[in-house]
Amino acid sequence: SGVNLQLKNFWSVATGAQYHTPYLSTSALRGGPALRLEANSGYHLQVSSDRRKRVNGNFGFGHYFDHDSDKRSLALFGSLSARPSPRATLSLGPSIFWSTSPEQYLARREVGGEPRYILGHLEQVTTSLTARLNYTFTPDLSLEFYAQPFVSAGAYPRFREVVDPRAERFSDRFRTLGEGDLVYDAENRRYRVDLDGDGQFETGFGNPDFNFRSLRGNAVLRWEYRPGSTLFLVWQQQRSGFEPFGDFQFSRDAGAIFREPARNVFLVKATYWIGS
C-alpha cells in the first residue's frame, strides 16, 4: 500500500509499505526442490521538490528485511535537475544500494549419488550515477547525452548447505559450513568442501567474491534538415571489467572503469518525408 501527497508549494511526498507472507520458491535452487523463503516487510519514502523551478530534485530511500533471517537491503537514491538556460537541461541521479542475502545460490554437487545444494551469505554494495545533458542549438538541431557509471562489489564470508528446504525455521533449513567442512585453496581461488563428514574433500567451487564495474554512454545529434526529414548521428560506448576482490572501494573501482577497453559504436540514421 502507498500514499502520494501533493503539497501547496508543489512539493510532493510518496511513501508506502509492504508485507509478504512466507512462500515456497521453485527457482531459488535452480531446478532443485522448492525452498521456503521468509516473510518479509519493507517501506519506502520519496520527497520531490517543485519541478517548475529551474533547479529541482528528489531524494528517497527504501528498506526491506526478512523476519526470521538477516536478509535485508537498504537503497538511497536521488536526483538533481537544472535548466541553466532555455536551451539546456542537466540532470544527475546518484544511488547506492546495500544488501545482505544469507541464501544466495552457488552450486549443486553430487555426493554419494545425492544432490547437495550450497548457498552463500552474500554482502553486496552497488552504486551508480545517471547523467543526462540535453542541448537545443536551434529548433531543428539538438544534442542528447547520457552516461551511467556502475560499480558493484560482493563478498561471501560464510557458506551454507540446504538440509531441509521446507523447514519452518531458517536455522533448521540450512547447515552452516564450518572450518572442518571447508578448505580454501588460495592459489587456485577455490574452496574444497567435505559435505558428508568423512574427512575427504570430495567436491568444491570457485571463490564467488566479485567486483564488477561498467560504463555505458551515448550521444545523439538530431538534425531536422527539412520539415519531416531528420538525420541522427549516434555514438555509443561500453566499458566493463571484473575483479575478484570482494570488498567495496569506490575510488579504486570507479577509477578502474576508464582503464577498461572501450567498445565504440557509431550509427547514422536518416528519414525522409515524402509528401506534399
C-alpha atoms as a PDB file:
ATOM      1  CA  SER A   1       0.000   0.000   0.000  1.00  0.00           C
ATOM      2  CA  GLY A   2       1.125   3.568  -0.581  1.00  0.00           C
ATOM      3  CA  VAL A   3       0.259   7.238  -0.268  1.00  0.00           C
ATOM      4  CA  ASN A   4       1.089  10.115  -2.634  1.00  0.00           C
ATOM      5  CA  LEU A   5       0.752  13.717  -1.431  1.00  0.00           C
ATOM      6  CA  GLN A   6       0.907  16.938  -3.436  1.00  0.00           C
ATOM      7  CA  LEU A   7       1.657  19.964  -1.197  1.00  0.00           C
ATOM      8  CA  LYS A   8       0.562  23.531  -1.808  1.00  0.00           C
ATOM      9  CA  ASN A   9       4.117  24.590  -2.668  1.00  0.00           C
ATOM     10  CA  PHE A  10       4.142  21.888  -5.384  1.00  0.00           C
ATOM     11  CA  TRP A  11       6.483  19.635  -3.453  1.00  0.00           C
ATOM     12  CA  SER A  12       5.358  16.010  -3.342  1.00  0.00           C
ATOM     13  CA  VAL A  13       5.790  13.069  -0.989  1.00  0.00           C
ATOM     14  CA  ALA A  14       5.358   9.392  -1.869  1.00  0.00           C
ATOM     15  CA  THR A  15       5.538   6.662   0.734  1.00  0.00           C
ATOM     16  CA  GLY A  16       4.453   3.072   1.090  1.00  0.00           C
ATOM     17  CA  ALA A  17       4.889  -0.202   2.924  1.00  0.00           C
ATOM     18  CA  GLN A  18       4.524  -3.857   2.048  1.00  0.00           C
ATOM     19  CA  TYR A  19       4.397  -7.289   3.670  1.00  0.00           C
ATOM     20  CA  HIS A  20       4.847 -10.719   2.086  1.00  0.00           C
ATOM     21  CA  THR A  21       3.978 -13.975   3.810  1.00  0.00           C
ATOM     22  CA  PRO A  22       6.364 -16.960   3.698  1.00  0.00           C
ATOM     23  CA  TYR A  23       6.241 -18.879   0.425  1.00  0.00           C
ATOM     24  CA  LEU A  24       7.875 -21.749  -1.457  1.00  0.00           C
ATOM     25  CA  SER A  25      10.207 -20.744  -4.276  1.00  0.00           C
ATOM     26  CA  THR A  26      10.655 -23.246  -7.114  1.00  0.00           C
ATOM     27  CA  SER A  27      13.511 -21.210  -8.638  1.00  0.00           C
ATOM     28  CA  ALA A  28      15.757 -20.465  -5.633  1.00  0.00           C
ATOM     29  CA  LEU A  29      17.650 -23.779  -6.001  1.00  0.00           C
ATOM     30  CA  ARG A  30      17.804 -23.622  -9.815  1.00  0.00           C
ATOM     31  CA  GLY A  31      15.712 -26.711 -10.557  1.00  0.00           C
ATOM     32  CA  GLY A  32      16.127 -28.325  -7.150  1.00  0.00           C
ATOM     33  CA  PRO A  33      13.415 -28.787  -4.524  1.00  0.00           C
ATOM     34  CA  ALA A  34      11.183 -25.880  -3.554  1.00  0.00           C
ATOM     35  CA  LEU A  35      12.815 -23.712  -0.886  1.00  0.00           C
ATOM     36  CA  ARG A  36      10.834 -21.924   1.817  1.00  0.00           C
ATOM     37  CA  LEU A  37      11.551 -18.189   1.861  1.00  0.00           C
ATOM     38  CA  GLU A  38      10.854 -15.953   4.823  1.00  0.00           C
ATOM     39  CA  ALA A  39       8.089 -13.490   5.443  1.00  0.00           C
ATOM     40  CA  ASN A  40       9.442 -10.034   4.645  1.00  0.00           C
ATOM     41  CA  SER A  41       8.466  -6.417   5.004  1.00  0.00           C
ATOM     42  CA  GLY A  42       9.576  -3.129   3.571  1.00  0.00           C
ATOM     43  CA  TYR A  43       8.863   0.564   3.319  1.00  0.00           C
ATOM     44  CA  HIS A  44       9.971   3.449   1.143  1.00  0.00           C
ATOM     45  CA  LEU A  45       9.814   7.244   1.080  1.00  0.00           C
ATOM     46  CA  GLN A  46      10.498   9.769  -1.672  1.00  0.00           C
ATOM     47  CA  VAL A  47      10.371  13.576  -1.462  1.00  0.00           C
ATOM     48  CA  SER A  48      10.384  15.698  -4.633  1.00  0.00           C
ATOM     49  CA  SER A  49      10.703  19.468  -4.956  1.00  0.00           C
ATOM     50  CA  ASP A  50       8.744  21.767  -7.280  1.00  0.00           C
ATOM     51  CA  ARG A  51       9.503  20.630 -10.827  1.00  0.00           C
ATOM     52  CA  ARG A  52       8.567  24.036 -12.232  1.00  0.00           C
ATOM     53  CA  LYS A  53      11.731  25.549 -10.745  1.00  0.00           C
ATOM     54  CA  ARG A  54      14.936  25.876 -12.763  1.00  0.00           C
ATOM     55  CA  VAL A  55      16.644  23.694 -10.154  1.00  0.00           C
ATOM     56  CA  ASN A  56      14.709  20.803  -8.654  1.00  0.00           C
ATOM     57  CA  GLY A  57      15.374  17.378  -7.271  1.00  0.00           C
ATOM     58  CA  ASN A  58      14.228  14.448  -5.234  1.00  0.00           C
ATOM     59  CA  PHE A  59      15.561  12.121  -2.560  1.00  0.00           C
ATOM     60  CA  GLY A  60      14.336   8.766  -1.381  1.00  0.00           C
ATOM     61  CA  PHE A  61      15.142   5.543   0.378  1.00  0.00           C
ATOM     62  CA  GLY A  62      13.800   2.027   0.657  1.00  0.00           C
ATOM     63  CA  HIS A  63      14.377  -0.557   3.393  1.00  0.00           C
ATOM     64  CA  TYR A  64      13.393  -4.236   3.118  1.00  0.00           C
ATOM     65  CA  PHE A  65      14.060  -7.105   5.538  1.00  0.00           C
ATOM     66  CA  ASP A  66      13.177 -10.711   6.361  1.00  0.00           C
ATOM     67  CA  HIS A  67      11.507 -11.572   9.654  1.00  0.00           C
ATOM     68  CA  ASP A  68      13.457 -14.742  10.553  1.00  0.00           C
ATOM     69  CA  SER A  69      16.869 -14.164   8.976  1.00  0.00           C
ATOM     70  CA  ASP A  70      19.371 -11.368   8.478  1.00  0.00           C
ATOM     71  CA  LYS A  71      18.374 -10.823   4.837  1.00  0.00           C
ATOM     72  CA  ARG A  72      17.889  -7.105   4.295  1.00  0.00           C
ATOM     73  CA  SER A  73      18.526  -4.286   1.874  1.00  0.00           C
ATOM     74  CA  LEU A  74      18.768  -0.514   2.014  1.00  0.00           C
ATOM     75  CA  ALA A  75      18.660   1.784  -1.006  1.00  0.00           C
ATOM     76  CA  LEU A  76      19.360   5.529  -1.087  1.00  0.00           C
ATOM     77  CA  PHE A  77      18.702   7.435  -4.290  1.00  0.00           C
ATOM     78  CA  GLY A  78      18.149  10.939  -5.553  1.00  0.00           C
ATOM     79  CA  SER A  79      18.405  13.267  -8.495  1.00  0.00           C
ATOM     80  CA  LEU A  80      19.158  16.894  -9.206  1.00  0.00           C
ATOM     81  CA  SER A  81      17.946  18.624 -12.367  1.00  0.00           C
ATOM     82  CA  ALA A  82      18.816  22.086 -13.624  1.00  0.00           C
ATOM     83  CA  ARG A  83      17.893  24.293 -16.572  1.00  0.00           C
ATOM     84  CA  PRO A  84      20.823  26.727 -16.809  1.00  0.00           C
ATOM     85  CA  SER A  85      19.289  28.246 -19.942  1.00  0.00           C
ATOM     86  CA  PRO A  86      16.134  27.794 -22.030  1.00  0.00           C
ATOM     87  CA  ARG A  87      18.228  25.628 -24.363  1.00  0.00           C
ATOM     88  CA  ALA A  88      19.880  23.286 -21.860  1.00  0.00           C
ATOM     89  CA  THR A  89      18.824  20.784 -19.207  1.00  0.00           C
ATOM     90  CA  LEU A  90      21.149  18.789 -16.979  1.00  0.00           C
ATOM     91  CA  SER A  91      20.348  16.021 -14.507  1.00  0.00           C
ATOM     92  CA  LEU A  92      22.421  13.846 -12.159  1.00  0.00           C
ATOM     93  CA  GLY A  93      20.973  10.827 -10.352  1.00  0.00           C
ATOM     94  CA  PRO A  94      23.231   9.024  -7.839  1.00  0.00           C
ATOM     95  CA  SER A  95      22.188   5.871  -5.982  1.00  0.00           C
ATOM     96  CA  ILE A  96      23.716   3.407  -3.530  1.00  0.00           C
ATOM     97  CA  PHE A  97      22.382   0.014  -2.503  1.00  0.00           C
ATOM     98  CA  TRP A  98      23.454  -2.251   0.380  1.00  0.00           C
ATOM     99  CA  SER A  99      22.147  -5.787   0.691  1.00  0.00           C
ATOM    100  CA  THR A 100      22.719  -8.937   2.720  1.00  0.00           C
ATOM    101  CA  SER A 101      21.410 -12.263   1.443  1.00  0.00           C
ATOM    102  CA  PRO A 102      22.106 -15.404   3.517  1.00  0.00           C
ATOM    103  CA  GLU A 103      20.696 -17.768   0.892  1.00  0.00           C
ATOM    104  CA  GLN A 104      22.369 -16.861  -2.413  1.00  0.00           C
ATOM    105  CA  TYR A 105      22.547 -19.941  -4.648  1.00  0.00           C
ATOM    106  CA  LEU A 106      26.088 -21.015  -5.584  1.00  0.00           C
ATOM    107  CA  ALA A 107      26.330 -24.654  -6.647  1.00  0.00           C
ATOM    108  CA  ARG A 108      24.712 -28.085  -6.913  1.00  0.00           C
ATOM    109  CA  ARG A 109      27.010 -31.013  -6.226  1.00  0.00           C
ATOM    110  CA  GLU A 110      26.555 -34.800  -6.260  1.00  0.00           C
ATOM    111  CA  VAL A 111      27.854 -36.606  -3.153  1.00  0.00           C
ATOM    112  CA  GLY A 112      27.230 -40.344  -2.894  1.00  0.00           C
ATOM    113  CA  GLY A 113      24.667 -40.099  -5.657  1.00  0.00           C
ATOM    114  CA  GLU A 114      22.703 -37.469  -3.732  1.00  0.00           C
ATOM    115  CA  PRO A 115      22.275 -33.852  -4.889  1.00  0.00           C
ATOM    116  CA  ARG A 116      23.568 -31.285  -2.379  1.00  0.00           C
ATOM    117  CA  TYR A 117      22.937 -27.541  -2.620  1.00  0.00           C
ATOM    118  CA  ILE A 118      25.468 -24.940  -1.467  1.00  0.00           C
ATOM    119  CA  LEU A 119      24.394 -21.363  -0.757  1.00  0.00           C
ATOM    120  CA  GLY A 120      26.459 -18.325   0.124  1.00  0.00           C
ATOM    121  CA  HIS A 121      25.967 -15.473   2.553  1.00  0.00           C
ATOM    122  CA  LEU A 122      26.313 -12.513   0.167  1.00  0.00           C
ATOM    123  CA  GLU A 123      27.138  -8.989   1.367  1.00  0.00           C
ATOM    124  CA  GLN A 124      26.913  -6.579  -1.575  1.00  0.00           C
ATOM    125  CA  VAL A 125      27.306  -2.856  -2.218  1.00  0.00           C
ATOM    126  CA  THR A 126      26.261  -1.273  -5.522  1.00  0.00           C
ATOM    127  CA  THR A 127      26.487   2.347  -6.586  1.00  0.00           C
ATOM    128  CA  SER A 128      25.715   4.155  -9.824  1.00  0.00           C
ATOM    129  CA  LEU A 129      25.315   7.620 -11.294  1.00  0.00           C
ATOM    130  CA  THR A 130      22.978   8.505 -14.158  1.00  0.00           C
ATOM    131  CA  ALA A 131      23.863  11.711 -16.008  1.00  0.00           C
ATOM    132  CA  ARG A 132      21.873  13.369 -18.793  1.00  0.00           C
ATOM    133  CA  LEU A 133      22.500  16.530 -20.799  1.00  0.00           C
ATOM    134  CA  ASN A 134      20.136  17.895 -23.453  1.00  0.00           C
ATOM    135  CA  TYR A 135      21.001  20.968 -25.502  1.00  0.00           C
ATOM    136  CA  THR A 136      18.923  22.570 -28.241  1.00  0.00           C
ATOM    137  CA  PHE A 137      21.003  24.666 -30.638  1.00  0.00           C
ATOM    138  CA  THR A 138      18.042  25.567 -32.847  1.00  0.00           C
ATOM    139  CA  PRO A 139      14.502  24.198 -33.169  1.00  0.00           C
ATOM    140  CA  ASP A 140      15.919  21.866 -35.860  1.00  0.00           C
ATOM    141  CA  LEU A 141      19.215  20.845 -34.207  1.00  0.00           C
ATOM    142  CA  SER A 142      19.661  19.234 -30.779  1.00  0.00           C
ATOM    143  CA  LEU A 143      22.122  17.074 -28.818  1.00  0.00           C
ATOM    144  CA  GLU A 144      21.305  14.456 -26.154  1.00  0.00           C
ATOM    145  CA  PHE A 145      23.987  12.892 -23.967  1.00  0.00           C
ATOM    146  CA  TYR A 146      23.618  10.015 -21.474  1.00  0.00           C
ATOM    147  CA  ALA A 147      26.201   8.272 -19.235  1.00  0.00           C
ATOM    148  CA  GLN A 148      25.929   5.744 -16.391  1.00  0.00           C
ATOM    149  CA  PRO A 149      28.980   4.538 -14.456  1.00  0.00           C
ATOM    150  CA  PHE A 150      28.200   1.496 -12.280  1.00  0.00           C
ATOM    151  CA  VAL A 151      30.210  -0.288  -9.556  1.00  0.00           C
ATOM    152  CA  SER A 152      29.185  -3.374  -7.568  1.00  0.00           C
ATOM    153  CA  ALA A 153      31.142  -5.485  -5.064  1.00  0.00           C
ATOM    154  CA  GLY A 154      30.077  -8.671  -3.321  1.00  0.00           C
ATOM    155  CA  ALA A 155      31.787 -10.809  -0.676  1.00  0.00           C
ATOM    156  CA  TYR A 156      30.833 -14.225   0.720  1.00  0.00           C
ATOM    157  CA  PRO A 157      32.057 -14.546   4.327  1.00  0.00           C
ATOM    158  CA  ARG A 158      30.014 -17.709   5.051  1.00  0.00           C
ATOM    159  CA  PHE A 159      28.514 -20.682   3.240  1.00  0.00           C
ATOM    160  CA  ARG A 160      25.564 -22.970   3.976  1.00  0.00           C
ATOM    161  CA  GLU A 161      24.213 -26.303   2.838  1.00  0.00           C
ATOM    162  CA  VAL A 162      20.498 -26.921   2.397  1.00  0.00           C
ATOM    163  CA  VAL A 163      19.400 -29.716   4.762  1.00  0.00           C
ATOM    164  CA  ASP A 164      15.603 -29.268   4.987  1.00  0.00           C
ATOM    165  CA  PRO A 165      14.339 -26.844   2.314  1.00  0.00           C
ATOM    166  CA  ARG A 166      10.794 -26.637   3.715  1.00  0.00           C
ATOM    167  CA  ALA A 167      11.622 -26.287   7.430  1.00  0.00           C
ATOM    168  CA  GLU A 168       9.669 -23.526   9.132  1.00  0.00           C
ATOM    169  CA  ARG A 169      12.661 -22.017  10.939  1.00  0.00           C
ATOM    170  CA  PHE A 170      15.557 -20.536   8.988  1.00  0.00           C
ATOM    171  CA  SER A 171      18.132 -22.236  11.259  1.00  0.00           C
ATOM    172  CA  ASP A 172      16.580 -25.661  10.563  1.00  0.00           C
ATOM    173  CA  ARG A 173      16.637 -25.142   6.807  1.00  0.00           C
ATOM    174  CA  PHE A 174      20.411 -24.859   6.478  1.00  0.00           C
ATOM    175  CA  ARG A 175      23.676 -26.072   7.966  1.00  0.00           C
ATOM    176  CA  THR A 176      26.488 -23.547   8.175  1.00  0.00           C
ATOM    177  CA  LEU A 177      29.714 -24.975   6.767  1.00  0.00           C
ATOM    178  CA  GLY A 178      32.455 -24.659   9.377  1.00  0.00           C
ATOM    179  CA  GLU A 179      36.247 -24.879   9.347  1.00  0.00           C
ATOM    180  CA  GLY A 180      36.165 -28.679   9.178  1.00  0.00           C
ATOM    181  CA  ASP A 181      33.913 -28.578   6.125  1.00  0.00           C
ATOM    182  CA  LEU A 182      35.813 -26.030   4.026  1.00  0.00           C
ATOM    183  CA  VAL A 183      39.411 -25.532   2.952  1.00  0.00           C
ATOM    184  CA  TYR A 184      40.390 -22.574   0.783  1.00  0.00           C
ATOM    185  CA  ASP A 185      42.977 -23.066  -1.948  1.00  0.00           C
ATOM    186  CA  ALA A 186      44.267 -19.506  -2.408  1.00  0.00           C
ATOM    187  CA  GLU A 187      46.494 -20.386  -5.364  1.00  0.00           C
ATOM    188  CA  ASN A 188      43.580 -21.688  -7.436  1.00  0.00           C
ATOM    189  CA  ARG A 189      40.945 -19.490  -5.763  1.00  0.00           C
ATOM    190  CA  ARG A 190      38.750 -22.491  -4.954  1.00  0.00           C
ATOM    191  CA  TYR A 191      37.024 -23.880  -1.893  1.00  0.00           C
ATOM    192  CA  ARG A 192      37.303 -27.607  -1.279  1.00  0.00           C
ATOM    193  CA  VAL A 193      34.303 -28.996   0.574  1.00  0.00           C
ATOM    194  CA  ASP A 194      33.544 -32.068   2.694  1.00  0.00           C
ATOM    195  CA  LEU A 195      29.750 -32.408   2.734  1.00  0.00           C
ATOM    196  CA  ASP A 196      29.364 -35.938   4.117  1.00  0.00           C
ATOM    197  CA  GLY A 197      31.696 -35.563   7.116  1.00  0.00           C
ATOM    198  CA  ASP A 198      34.107 -38.357   6.179  1.00  0.00           C
ATOM    199  CA  GLY A 199      37.176 -36.111   6.245  1.00  0.00           C
ATOM    200  CA  GLN A 200      37.567 -36.238   2.471  1.00  0.00           C
ATOM    201  CA  PHE A 201      37.097 -33.011   0.495  1.00  0.00           C
ATOM    202  CA  GLU A 202      35.202 -34.638  -2.342  1.00  0.00           C
ATOM    203  CA  THR A 203      33.920 -31.535  -4.134  1.00  0.00           C
ATOM    204  CA  GLY A 204      34.383 -27.788  -4.339  1.00  0.00           C
ATOM    205  CA  PHE A 205      33.541 -24.497  -6.021  1.00  0.00           C
ATOM    206  CA  GLY A 206      35.307 -21.330  -7.106  1.00  0.00           C
ATOM    207  CA  ASN A 207      35.631 -18.265  -4.886  1.00  0.00           C
ATOM    208  CA  PRO A 208      32.499 -16.263  -5.764  1.00  0.00           C
ATOM    209  CA  ASP A 209      33.718 -12.859  -4.474  1.00  0.00           C
ATOM    210  CA  PHE A 210      33.423 -10.202  -7.169  1.00  0.00           C
ATOM    211  CA  ASN A 211      33.924  -6.588  -8.164  1.00  0.00           C
ATOM    212  CA  PHE A 212      32.127  -5.515 -11.322  1.00  0.00           C
ATOM    213  CA  ARG A 213      32.294  -2.096 -12.925  1.00  0.00           C
ATOM    214  CA  SER A 214      30.893  -0.708 -16.130  1.00  0.00           C
ATOM    215  CA  LEU A 215      30.241   2.483 -18.032  1.00  0.00           C
ATOM    216  CA  ARG A 216      27.507   2.947 -20.605  1.00  0.00           C
ATOM    217  CA  GLY A 217      27.198   6.146 -22.552  1.00  0.00           C
ATOM    218  CA  ASN A 218      25.701   7.519 -25.735  1.00  0.00           C
ATOM    219  CA  ALA A 219      25.278  10.776 -27.576  1.00  0.00           C
ATOM    220  CA  VAL A 220      22.646  11.552 -30.204  1.00  0.00           C
ATOM    221  CA  LEU A 221      22.798  14.543 -32.550  1.00  0.00           C
ATOM    222  CA  ARG A 222      19.419  15.185 -34.199  1.00  0.00           C
ATOM    223  CA  TRP A 223      19.075  17.463 -37.235  1.00  0.00           C
ATOM    224  CA  GLU A 224      15.749  18.031 -38.958  1.00  0.00           C
ATOM    225  CA  TYR A 225      17.222  19.186 -42.264  1.00  0.00           C
ATOM    226  CA  ARG A 226      13.786  19.731 -43.801  1.00  0.00           C
ATOM    227  CA  PRO A 227      10.248  19.504 -42.338  1.00  0.00           C
ATOM    228  CA  GLY A 228       9.543  15.871 -41.508  1.00  0.00           C
ATOM    229  CA  SER A 229      13.002  14.675 -42.590  1.00  0.00           C
ATOM    230  CA  THR A 230      15.618  14.001 -39.887  1.00  0.00           C
ATOM    231  CA  LEU A 231      19.239  12.881 -39.655  1.00  0.00           C
ATOM    232  CA  PHE A 232      20.521  11.146 -36.474  1.00  0.00           C
ATOM    233  CA  LEU A 233      24.219  10.719 -35.651  1.00  0.00           C
ATOM    234  CA  VAL A 234      24.681   8.286 -32.730  1.00  0.00           C
ATOM    235  CA  TRP A 235      27.774   7.345 -30.685  1.00  0.00           C
ATOM    236  CA  GLN A 236      27.677   4.594 -28.064  1.00  0.00           C
ATOM    237  CA  GLN A 237      30.436   3.457 -25.719  1.00  0.00           C
ATOM    238  CA  GLN A 238      30.572   0.456 -23.364  1.00  0.00           C
ATOM    239  CA  ARG A 239      33.313  -0.345 -20.841  1.00  0.00           C
ATOM    240  CA  SER A 240      33.220  -3.164 -18.288  1.00  0.00           C
ATOM    241  CA  GLY A 241      35.588  -5.169 -16.129  1.00  0.00           C
ATOM    242  CA  PHE A 242      35.684  -7.774 -13.385  1.00  0.00           C
ATOM    243  CA  GLU A 243      37.991  -8.384 -10.426  1.00  0.00           C
ATOM    244  CA  PRO A 244      37.690 -10.959  -7.602  1.00  0.00           C
ATOM    245  CA  PHE A 245      38.447  -8.579  -4.695  1.00  0.00           C
ATOM    246  CA  GLY A 246      35.037  -8.722  -2.991  1.00  0.00           C
ATOM    247  CA  ASP A 247      35.496  -5.540  -0.936  1.00  0.00           C
ATOM    248  CA  PHE A 248      33.963  -2.219  -1.988  1.00  0.00           C
ATOM    249  CA  GLN A 249      36.405   0.647  -2.563  1.00  0.00           C
ATOM    250  CA  PHE A 250      34.737   3.343  -4.620  1.00  0.00           C
ATOM    251  CA  SER A 251      37.837   5.298  -5.672  1.00  0.00           C
ATOM    252  CA  ARG A 252      39.687   2.144  -6.764  1.00  0.00           C
ATOM    253  CA  ASP A 253      36.794   0.597  -8.682  1.00  0.00           C
ATOM    254  CA  ALA A 254      35.402   3.802 -10.197  1.00  0.00           C
ATOM    255  CA  GLY A 255      38.855   4.866 -11.364  1.00  0.00           C
ATOM    256  CA  ALA A 256      39.426   1.476 -12.962  1.00  0.00           C
ATOM    257  CA  ILE A 257      36.382   1.925 -15.215  1.00  0.00           C
ATOM    258  CA  PHE A 258      38.306   4.262 -17.528  1.00  0.00           C
ATOM    259  CA  ARG A 259      41.220   1.821 -17.785  1.00  0.00           C
ATOM    260  CA  GLU A 260      38.963  -0.855 -19.236  1.00  0.00           C
ATOM    261  CA  PRO A 261      38.972  -1.282 -23.034  1.00  0.00           C
ATOM    262  CA  ALA A 262      36.182   0.622 -24.733  1.00  0.00           C
ATOM    263  CA  ARG A 263      33.732  -0.704 -27.297  1.00  0.00           C
ATOM    264  CA  ASN A 264      32.548   2.144 -29.509  1.00  0.00           C
ATOM    265  CA  VAL A 265      29.644   2.001 -31.936  1.00  0.00           C
ATOM    266  CA  PHE A 266      28.751   4.725 -34.437  1.00  0.00           C
ATOM    267  CA  LEU A 267      25.389   4.795 -36.168  1.00  0.00           C
ATOM    268  CA  VAL A 268      23.777   7.015 -38.774  1.00  0.00           C
ATOM    269  CA  LYS A 269      20.041   7.065 -39.345  1.00  0.00           C
ATOM    270  CA  ALA A 270      18.157   9.228 -41.799  1.00  0.00           C
ATOM    271  CA  THR A 271      14.472   9.667 -42.534  1.00  0.00           C
ATOM    272  CA  TYR A 272      12.943  11.468 -45.496  1.00  0.00           C
ATOM    273  CA  TRP A 273       9.383  12.693 -45.625  1.00  0.00           C
ATOM    274  CA  ILE A 274       7.746  12.101 -48.993  1.00  0.00           C
ATOM    275  CA  GLY A 275       4.689  14.237 -49.314  1.00  0.00           C
ATOM    276  CA  SER A 276       3.307  17.490 -50.453  1.00  0.00           C
END
